Every structure is written in structure tokens, then in C-alpha cells.
Amino acid sequence: MSVSFKNRDRVIQLGIAIGMLRRMRGMSQEQLAEKAGISRGHLSTIEAPNMAAGMSIDTFFNIADALDVNPADLINAAMFPDSIIK
């Protein structure tokens, strides 16, 4: 799934937040991927800090559920205000 340049940094930040929370929960990529109903390779691509790998909203919600976190909280944890990024 391609990501527009405008959203590239946001998607990368979200992937990094997913990976950090996964590790905080003591889960492997295999465990989270299985709970979220996606492949480990897809999760690895989402978490990769040098890639902007898009995901469907369905996948995002499944990952949030598997991490036992409110989707909005996951987005808020991942998004730095533009004033910090610039």
C-alpha cells in the first residue's frame, strides 16, 4: 500500500510506536502478527523505521486490539506535533 509523501513521516512514526508498544508488551512479531491476523512479514514492514508501509484501517484496528490499546491512543502516542518535527 503506497503512502503519499505528505503522510510519510506520520506512517513511519505510527509503525515505530507499534513496534515499541509490542516490545513493551513482551510480544514477538510472530505473536502480534498472529493475534492481528496478518503475516509477520507485513508487521515487520509496518514497524520498519526506514519504510513508510501503509496499512488498511482494518489492519490498524486489528493491531490495536491485539496490543490491547485504544486505536486513538495509539495514534496519539505516535504523532509528534508538527512544531516538534519542524
Protein backbone atom coordinates (compact mmCIF):
# COMPACT_ATOMS: atom_id res chain seq x y z
CA MET A 1 0.00 0.00 0.00
CA SER A 2 1.61 3.24 -1.08
CA VAL A 3 1.83 6.26 1.19
CA SER A 4 1.81 9.83 -0.04
CA PHE A 5 4.86 11.94 0.68
CA LYS A 6 2.69 14.20 2.86
CA ASN A 7 1.94 11.33 5.26
CA ARG A 8 5.28 9.51 5.07
CA ASP A 9 6.63 10.68 8.44
CA ARG A 10 3.31 10.04 10.18
CA VAL A 11 3.14 6.47 8.90
CA ILE A 12 6.74 5.83 9.94
CA GLN A 13 6.03 7.23 13.44
CA LEU A 14 2.98 5.01 13.77
CA GLY A 15 4.99 1.93 12.80
CA ILE A 16 7.68 2.80 15.32
CA ALA A 17 5.04 3.26 18.05
CA ILE A 18 3.52 -0.12 17.20
CA GLY A 19 6.93 -1.78 17.49
CA MET A 20 7.75 -0.06 20.77
CA LEU A 21 4.42 -0.99 22.33
CA ARG A 22 4.76 -4.57 21.07
CA ARG A 23 8.13 -4.88 22.79
CA MET A 24 6.76 -3.24 25.96
CA ARG A 25 4.03 -5.89 25.96
CA GLY A 26 6.71 -8.60 25.70
CA MET A 27 5.40 -9.84 22.37
CA SER A 28 7.37 -11.09 19.41
CA GLN A 29 6.48 -10.00 15.89
CA GLU A 30 5.15 -13.51 15.29
CA GLN A 31 2.84 -13.30 18.31
CA LEU A 32 1.45 -9.87 17.42
CA ALA A 33 1.04 -10.77 13.77
CA GLU A 34 -0.88 -13.91 14.67
CA LYS A 35 -3.18 -12.04 17.08
CA ALA A 36 -3.76 -9.31 14.48
CA GLY A 37 -4.39 -11.79 11.65
CA ILE A 38 -1.54 -10.59 9.43
CA SER A 39 1.77 -12.07 8.33
CA ARG A 40 4.94 -11.47 10.30
CA GLY A 41 6.48 -10.02 7.15
CA HIS A 42 3.71 -7.45 6.85
CA LEU A 43 4.14 -6.46 10.51
CA SER A 44 7.89 -6.22 10.04
CA THR A 45 7.36 -3.84 7.14
CA ILE A 46 4.90 -1.73 9.17
CA GLU A 47 7.38 -1.46 12.06
CA ALA A 48 10.46 -0.77 9.91
CA PRO A 49 11.77 2.70 10.81
CA ASN A 50 13.10 3.40 7.33
CA MET A 51 9.95 2.47 5.42
CA ALA A 52 6.56 4.10 5.11
CA ALA A 53 4.42 0.98 4.83
CA GLY A 54 0.75 1.78 4.65
CA MET A 55 -1.88 -0.45 6.14
CA SER A 56 -5.62 -0.72 5.87
CA ILE A 57 -7.75 0.70 8.63
CA ASP A 58 -8.90 -2.86 9.32
CA THR A 59 -5.29 -3.95 9.88
CA PHE A 60 -4.66 -0.93 12.08
CA PHE A 61 -7.68 -1.73 14.27
CA ASN A 62 -6.64 -5.41 14.47
CA ILE A 63 -3.14 -4.41 15.60
CA ALA A 64 -4.54 -2.01 18.21
CA ASP A 65 -6.87 -4.72 19.52
CA ALA A 66 -4.03 -7.25 19.63
CA LEU A 67 -1.94 -4.76 21.62
CA ASP A 68 -4.93 -4.07 23.89
CA VAL A 69 -4.81 -0.34 23.22
CA ASN A 70 -7.41 2.15 22.08
CA PRO A 71 -6.67 2.97 18.42
CA ALA A 72 -6.89 6.70 19.14
CA ASP A 73 -4.35 6.35 21.95
CA LEU A 74 -2.00 4.52 19.60
CA ILE A 75 -2.25 7.33 17.05
CA ASN A 76 -1.78 9.99 19.73
CA ALA A 77 1.29 8.19 21.08
CA ALA A 78 2.77 8.04 17.59
CA MET A 79 2.17 11.58 16.40
CA PHE A 80 4.53 14.37 17.32
CA PRO A 81 3.10 17.83 16.80
CA ASP A 82 4.34 19.46 13.59
CA SER A 83 6.01 22.14 15.72
CA ILE A 84 8.34 19.49 17.16
CA ILE A 85 9.13 17.87 13.82
CA LYS A 86 9.99 21.12 12.03
